[in-house]
Amino acid sequence: MLETFIKIIPLFALVGLGYTCKKYAIVGVISLKYLTRFVMYLSLPAVLLGKLATTNFKTLIDIPFLSAYLVSLLSVMLISGGVGYFLFDKHANHGVMLGLGGVYGNIGFLAIPILAVAVGEWTSVPLALMLTLDLLILLPFSSFLLQLSNTSNNDINHLDNNFTPIKALKRSLLNPLIISIVIGLIISAWSISLPASVIGGLGLLSSTAGPCAMFIVGTALFGRSIIQNPSAAIYMSTVKLAIMPFVVFLMMQMFQVNSEWVLIATLGSAMPCAAVLGVMAEEYKTLSHQASTAVLLTTVVSVVTLPLLINILQ
């Protein structure tokens, strides 16, 4: 465990550096905006495109893997949301947000750089497939349920509607990460060999993804705080860091997925809550403070839980 911790602690140190720079205004809002765009539009897509384009297509279309992860996503979300509904306020929209918080992890900005260092760069391939299901199925489905539950609660007039199901799906389809995944899949399917210069260029861009992504995560944590009554946030955090990885591991075993991909699926599902969770909660006026707290809690706790889980599974 100590060896794994030593490997990934520099990445978490970058998270702390990002937090510090944001706190003391060393990096301004405009700088962060363009740094985030660089990571979202160039460096992370380069990681995904480079790996997928050079991977055998049959390896990428792993139906048992995709099925196991999708079943895990939906089952944990619905069950934990249902349990949360009865444990807390018995509002349908709260149940949906509690369920989403328990399954939606930060694969793009955390899992890809951390697991590349701790396990190997090949991990970006299964993580890209998980990210695709998150963006194309989980987020539109969740926004549909939130829209439906808020409508039934007569809260529709208070919504910004930026996360309606159609808009969520459109955003996902136009997401540069999804576009890079699709291009990578097409190149792999058609067995197109990329020139060495292109692969080298993608490699250079890819090398910037990890440090920049971790720095951005740190800046996103600034301003978040532990609320006075964090029970809902603790509930989401527990489901996300403990129950979700366990269910994913079991499902992967049941679907007889390759053992290496079982490892990555389990670790990928053990990542902290994605910062987008707080954005969606704010847009729908649903547990916004609790969602923001869950992002902070899971990120801090994962400094310990991730090395521990990597050590156990390896």
Protein backbone atom coordinates (compact mmCIF):
# COMPACT_ATOMS: atom_id res chain seq x y z
CA MET A 1 0.00 0.00 0.00
CA LEU A 2 2.85 2.38 0.84
CA GLU A 3 4.33 1.93 -2.64
CA THR A 4 0.98 2.76 -4.27
CA PHE A 5 0.49 5.73 -1.98
CA ILE A 6 3.94 7.07 -2.89
CA LYS A 7 3.06 6.73 -6.59
CA ILE A 8 -0.18 8.70 -6.45
CA ILE A 9 0.50 11.21 -3.66
CA PRO A 10 2.18 13.66 -6.10
CA LEU A 11 -1.09 13.78 -8.04
CA PHE A 12 -3.08 14.57 -4.91
CA ALA A 13 -0.42 17.13 -4.04
CA LEU A 14 -1.36 18.83 -7.30
CA VAL A 15 -4.96 18.92 -6.07
CA GLY A 16 -3.75 20.71 -2.94
CA LEU A 17 -1.66 23.05 -5.07
CA GLY A 18 -4.68 23.92 -7.18
CA TYR A 19 -6.74 24.60 -4.06
CA THR A 20 -4.01 26.86 -2.65
CA CYS A 21 -3.56 28.78 -5.89
CA LYS A 22 -7.29 29.41 -6.12
CA LYS A 23 -7.52 30.41 -2.45
CA TYR A 24 -4.77 33.00 -2.71
CA ALA A 25 -5.80 34.16 -6.20
CA ILE A 26 -2.48 33.07 -7.70
CA VAL A 27 -4.49 31.74 -10.62
CA GLY A 28 -7.41 33.86 -11.77
CA VAL A 29 -10.83 32.87 -13.06
CA ILE A 30 -9.94 33.57 -16.69
CA SER A 31 -6.73 31.53 -16.46
CA LEU A 32 -8.63 28.58 -14.99
CA LYS A 33 -11.28 28.87 -17.67
CA TYR A 34 -8.73 28.44 -20.44
CA LEU A 35 -6.74 25.79 -18.58
CA THR A 36 -9.95 23.77 -18.17
CA ARG A 37 -10.70 24.19 -21.86
CA PHE A 38 -7.20 23.01 -22.73
CA VAL A 39 -7.68 19.84 -20.70
CA MET A 40 -11.25 19.21 -21.91
CA TYR A 41 -10.65 19.96 -25.59
CA LEU A 42 -7.05 18.85 -26.11
CA SER A 43 -5.11 16.90 -23.49
CA LEU A 44 -7.75 14.45 -22.20
CA PRO A 45 -9.16 13.81 -25.69
CA ALA A 46 -5.58 13.12 -26.83
CA VAL A 47 -5.26 10.44 -24.12
CA LEU A 48 -8.51 8.75 -25.15
CA LEU A 49 -7.99 9.06 -28.90
CA GLY A 50 -4.42 7.81 -28.77
CA LYS A 51 -5.24 4.74 -26.70
CA LEU A 52 -8.48 3.76 -28.47
CA ALA A 53 -7.09 4.28 -31.97
CA THR A 54 -4.19 1.91 -31.26
CA THR A 55 -6.28 -0.78 -29.53
CA ASN A 56 -7.85 -3.77 -31.29
CA PHE A 57 -11.53 -3.06 -31.98
CA LYS A 58 -12.68 -6.42 -30.61
CA THR A 59 -11.11 -5.47 -27.30
CA LEU A 60 -13.10 -2.23 -27.21
CA ILE A 61 -16.50 -3.76 -27.91
CA ASP A 62 -16.56 -5.80 -24.74
CA ILE A 63 -20.28 -6.48 -24.27
CA PRO A 64 -19.93 -8.23 -20.85
CA PHE A 65 -17.88 -5.30 -19.53
CA LEU A 66 -20.30 -2.66 -20.81
CA SER A 67 -23.33 -4.63 -19.61
CA ALA A 68 -21.89 -5.23 -16.14
CA TYR A 69 -21.04 -1.56 -15.66
CA LEU A 70 -24.40 -0.35 -16.96
CA VAL A 71 -26.32 -2.75 -14.70
CA SER A 72 -24.19 -1.61 -11.76
CA LEU A 73 -24.83 2.06 -12.52
CA LEU A 74 -28.57 1.79 -12.80
CA SER A 75 -29.13 -0.70 -9.98
CA VAL A 76 -27.04 1.19 -7.40
CA MET A 77 -28.53 4.51 -8.45
CA LEU A 78 -32.14 3.33 -8.21
CA ILE A 79 -31.72 1.30 -5.01
CA SER A 80 -29.62 3.87 -3.13
CA GLY A 81 -31.96 6.61 -4.34
CA GLY A 82 -34.96 4.65 -3.11
CA VAL A 83 -33.38 4.00 0.27
CA GLY A 84 -32.34 7.65 0.53
CA TYR A 85 -35.90 8.72 -0.28
CA PHE A 86 -37.19 6.95 2.83
CA LEU A 87 -34.21 7.86 5.03
CA PHE A 88 -34.41 11.60 4.42
CA ASP A 89 -37.09 14.03 3.21
CA LYS A 90 -39.22 11.70 1.05
CA HIS A 91 -38.96 14.04 -1.92
CA ALA A 92 -38.60 12.26 -5.25
CA ASN A 93 -36.05 14.73 -6.59
CA HIS A 94 -33.93 14.26 -3.46
CA GLY A 95 -33.99 10.50 -4.00
CA VAL A 96 -32.78 10.93 -7.58
CA MET A 97 -29.93 13.22 -6.53
CA LEU A 98 -28.89 10.88 -3.71
CA GLY A 99 -28.82 8.00 -6.18
CA LEU A 100 -26.83 9.96 -8.75
CA GLY A 101 -24.32 11.07 -6.12
CA GLY A 102 -23.72 7.45 -5.22
CA VAL A 103 -22.64 6.41 -8.71
CA TYR A 104 -21.33 9.38 -10.71
CA GLY A 105 -17.57 9.52 -10.26
CA ASN A 106 -14.82 11.71 -11.62
CA ILE A 107 -13.42 9.39 -14.28
CA GLY A 108 -12.19 12.04 -16.71
CA PHE A 109 -10.23 14.29 -14.38
CA LEU A 110 -9.23 11.80 -11.66
CA ALA A 111 -9.45 8.15 -12.69
CA ILE A 112 -7.54 8.51 -15.96
CA PRO A 113 -4.47 10.30 -14.53
CA ILE A 114 -4.40 8.42 -11.21
CA LEU A 115 -4.75 4.91 -12.64
CA ALA A 116 -2.30 5.68 -15.44
CA VAL A 117 0.32 6.30 -12.75
CA ALA A 118 -0.73 3.61 -10.27
CA VAL A 119 -1.54 0.76 -12.70
CA GLY A 120 -0.56 1.67 -16.25
CA GLU A 121 -1.47 3.81 -19.23
CA TRP A 122 -3.55 0.99 -20.75
CA THR A 123 -6.21 1.71 -18.12
CA SER A 124 -7.53 4.63 -20.19
CA VAL A 125 -9.21 2.15 -22.57
CA PRO A 126 -11.74 0.60 -20.14
CA LEU A 127 -12.11 3.96 -18.40
CA ALA A 128 -13.06 5.56 -21.73
CA LEU A 129 -15.86 3.01 -22.13
CA MET A 130 -17.10 3.71 -18.60
CA LEU A 131 -16.99 7.44 -19.26
CA THR A 132 -19.06 6.94 -22.40
CA LEU A 133 -21.85 5.21 -20.47
CA ASP A 134 -21.73 7.93 -17.80
CA LEU A 135 -22.11 10.73 -20.31
CA LEU A 136 -24.51 9.15 -22.80
CA ILE A 137 -26.81 7.21 -20.47
CA LEU A 138 -26.40 8.12 -16.80
CA LEU A 139 -26.55 11.93 -17.07
CA PRO A 140 -29.48 12.16 -19.55
CA PHE A 141 -31.40 9.51 -17.56
CA SER A 142 -30.75 11.34 -14.29
CA SER A 143 -31.76 14.70 -15.74
CA PHE A 144 -34.98 13.14 -17.03
CA LEU A 145 -35.82 11.81 -13.56
CA LEU A 146 -34.94 15.13 -11.92
CA GLN A 147 -37.05 17.04 -14.42
CA LEU A 148 -39.94 14.64 -13.90
CA SER A 149 -39.73 14.70 -10.10
CA ASN A 150 -39.40 18.48 -9.93
CA THR A 151 -42.40 18.84 -12.23
CA SER A 152 -44.44 16.58 -9.99
CA ASN A 153 -43.33 18.69 -7.02
CA ASN A 154 -44.51 21.86 -8.86
CA ASP A 155 -40.94 23.20 -8.89
CA ILE A 156 -40.68 23.53 -12.66
CA ASN A 157 -40.85 27.33 -12.57
CA HIS A 158 -37.71 27.43 -10.46
CA LEU A 159 -35.61 25.43 -12.89
CA ASP A 160 -33.03 26.88 -15.22
CA ASN A 161 -33.71 23.97 -17.62
CA ASN A 162 -30.04 23.80 -18.58
CA PHE A 163 -30.09 20.10 -17.73
CA THR A 164 -33.26 18.93 -19.48
CA PRO A 165 -32.84 15.36 -20.80
CA ILE A 166 -32.53 16.44 -24.45
CA LYS A 167 -30.03 19.18 -23.61
CA ALA A 168 -28.07 16.79 -21.39
CA LEU A 169 -27.86 14.26 -24.21
CA LYS A 170 -26.88 16.97 -26.71
CA ARG A 171 -24.16 18.23 -24.37
CA SER A 172 -22.88 14.70 -23.95
CA LEU A 173 -22.78 14.03 -27.69
CA LEU A 174 -20.89 17.28 -28.27
CA ASN A 175 -18.55 16.66 -25.34
CA PRO A 176 -14.98 16.63 -26.70
CA LEU A 177 -14.23 13.50 -24.66
CA ILE A 178 -17.10 11.64 -26.35
CA ILE A 179 -16.06 12.96 -29.77
CA SER A 180 -12.50 11.72 -29.23
CA ILE A 181 -13.83 8.32 -28.10
CA VAL A 182 -16.01 8.02 -31.22
CA ILE A 183 -13.12 8.99 -33.51
CA GLY A 184 -10.85 6.52 -31.73
CA LEU A 185 -13.42 3.74 -32.13
CA ILE A 186 -13.81 4.49 -35.85
CA ILE A 187 -10.05 4.44 -36.42
CA SER A 188 -9.79 1.16 -34.52
CA ALA A 189 -12.77 -0.40 -36.34
CA TRP A 190 -11.34 0.49 -39.75
CA SER A 191 -7.83 -0.61 -38.71
CA ILE A 192 -6.35 2.74 -39.71
CA SER A 193 -2.67 3.10 -38.83
CA LEU A 194 -1.84 6.58 -37.57
CA PRO A 195 1.50 8.09 -38.64
CA ALA A 196 4.24 8.04 -36.01
CA SER A 197 4.25 11.85 -35.96
CA VAL A 198 0.53 11.92 -35.06
CA ILE A 199 0.99 9.35 -32.31
CA GLY A 200 3.95 11.35 -31.01
CA GLY A 201 1.92 14.56 -30.99
CA LEU A 202 -0.94 12.87 -29.15
CA GLY A 203 1.60 11.56 -26.67
CA LEU A 204 2.91 15.06 -25.95
CA LEU A 205 -0.60 16.39 -25.36
CA SER A 206 -1.47 13.33 -23.26
CA SER A 207 1.47 13.96 -20.93
CA THR A 208 -0.12 17.24 -19.82
CA ALA A 209 -3.52 15.73 -19.00
CA GLY A 210 -2.75 14.29 -15.58
CA PRO A 211 -1.05 17.26 -13.89
CA CYS A 212 -3.44 19.84 -15.36
CA ALA A 213 -6.56 17.79 -14.56
CA MET A 214 -5.54 17.26 -10.93
CA PHE A 215 -4.72 20.97 -10.55
CA ILE A 216 -8.18 21.88 -11.89
CA VAL A 217 -9.85 19.48 -9.44
CA GLY A 218 -8.10 21.30 -6.61
CA THR A 219 -9.33 24.70 -7.79
CA ALA A 220 -12.88 23.31 -8.04
CA LEU A 221 -12.75 22.25 -4.38
CA PHE A 222 -12.07 25.78 -3.16
CA GLY A 223 -15.17 27.38 -1.67
CA ARG A 224 -16.81 24.08 -0.79
CA SER A 225 -17.34 23.38 2.91
CA ILE A 226 -18.81 20.77 5.24
CA ILE A 227 -22.39 21.81 5.97
CA GLN A 228 -23.81 21.71 9.50
CA ASN A 229 -26.06 18.72 8.76
CA PRO A 230 -24.02 16.57 6.38
CA SER A 231 -26.01 13.32 6.75
CA ALA A 232 -27.15 13.26 3.11
CA ALA A 233 -23.62 14.06 1.93
CA ILE A 234 -22.18 11.28 4.11
CA TYR A 235 -24.80 8.90 2.70
CA MET A 236 -23.83 9.74 -0.91
CA SER A 237 -20.13 9.51 -0.06
CA THR A 238 -20.51 6.09 1.57
CA VAL A 239 -22.41 4.70 -1.40
CA LYS A 240 -19.92 6.17 -3.85
CA LEU A 241 -16.70 5.03 -2.18
CA ALA A 242 -17.81 1.71 -0.69
CA ILE A 243 -21.01 0.27 -2.13
CA MET A 244 -20.60 1.23 -5.79
CA PRO A 245 -17.12 -0.35 -6.19
CA PHE A 246 -18.32 -3.49 -4.40
CA VAL A 247 -21.34 -3.87 -6.69
CA VAL A 248 -19.25 -3.20 -9.80
CA PHE A 249 -16.75 -5.85 -8.70
CA LEU A 250 -19.53 -8.42 -8.18
CA MET A 251 -21.23 -7.61 -11.48
CA MET A 252 -17.97 -7.84 -13.39
CA GLN A 253 -17.37 -11.26 -11.86
CA MET A 254 -20.91 -12.38 -12.71
CA PHE A 255 -20.50 -11.27 -16.33
CA GLN A 256 -17.10 -13.03 -16.47
CA VAL A 257 -15.13 -9.96 -17.47
CA ASN A 258 -11.36 -10.11 -17.96
CA SER A 259 -9.65 -9.86 -14.56
CA GLU A 260 -7.56 -6.81 -15.53
CA TRP A 261 -10.65 -4.92 -16.63
CA VAL A 262 -12.45 -5.98 -13.44
CA LEU A 263 -9.66 -4.26 -11.53
CA ILE A 264 -9.98 -1.02 -13.50
CA ALA A 265 -13.78 -1.00 -13.42
CA THR A 266 -13.72 -1.41 -9.65
CA LEU A 267 -11.10 1.29 -9.15
CA GLY A 268 -12.80 3.61 -11.63
CA SER A 269 -16.10 3.28 -9.76
CA ALA A 270 -14.31 4.06 -6.48
CA MET A 271 -13.37 7.55 -7.65
CA PRO A 272 -14.75 10.62 -5.81
CA CYS A 273 -18.00 12.27 -6.86
CA ALA A 274 -17.61 14.37 -10.00
CA ALA A 275 -17.81 18.14 -9.63
CA VAL A 276 -20.64 18.11 -12.20
CA LEU A 277 -22.81 16.61 -9.45
CA GLY A 278 -22.78 19.95 -7.65
CA VAL A 279 -23.58 21.79 -10.88
CA MET A 280 -26.61 19.60 -11.58
CA ALA A 281 -27.80 19.90 -7.99
CA GLU A 282 -27.60 23.67 -8.24
CA GLU A 283 -29.40 23.75 -11.58
CA TYR A 284 -32.27 21.66 -10.22
CA LYS A 285 -32.26 23.31 -6.78
CA THR A 286 -31.96 19.86 -5.26
CA LEU A 287 -29.61 19.13 -2.34
CA SER A 288 -27.07 21.56 -3.77
CA HIS A 289 -25.13 22.04 -0.51
CA GLN A 290 -25.16 18.31 0.25
CA ALA A 291 -23.94 17.45 -3.26
CA SER A 292 -21.14 20.01 -3.01
CA THR A 293 -20.16 18.58 0.38
CA ALA A 294 -20.14 15.05 -1.05
CA VAL A 295 -17.69 16.15 -3.76
CA LEU A 296 -15.36 17.55 -1.09
CA LEU A 297 -15.73 14.61 1.30
CA THR A 298 -15.16 11.89 -1.29
CA THR A 299 -12.13 13.68 -2.74
CA VAL A 300 -10.48 14.02 0.67
CA VAL A 301 -11.31 10.49 1.83
CA SER A 302 -10.19 8.93 -1.47
CA VAL A 303 -6.60 9.92 -0.67
CA VAL A 304 -6.71 6.97 1.74
CA THR A 305 -9.34 4.67 0.19
CA LEU A 306 -7.86 4.54 -3.32
CA PRO A 307 -4.35 3.32 -2.33
CA LEU A 308 -5.99 0.85 0.06
CA LEU A 309 -8.31 -0.52 -2.64
CA ILE A 310 -5.52 -0.71 -5.23
CA ASN A 311 -3.41 -2.65 -2.72
CA ILE A 312 -6.26 -5.06 -1.92
CA LEU A 313 -7.21 -5.75 -5.53
CA GLN A 314 -3.66 -6.12 -6.84
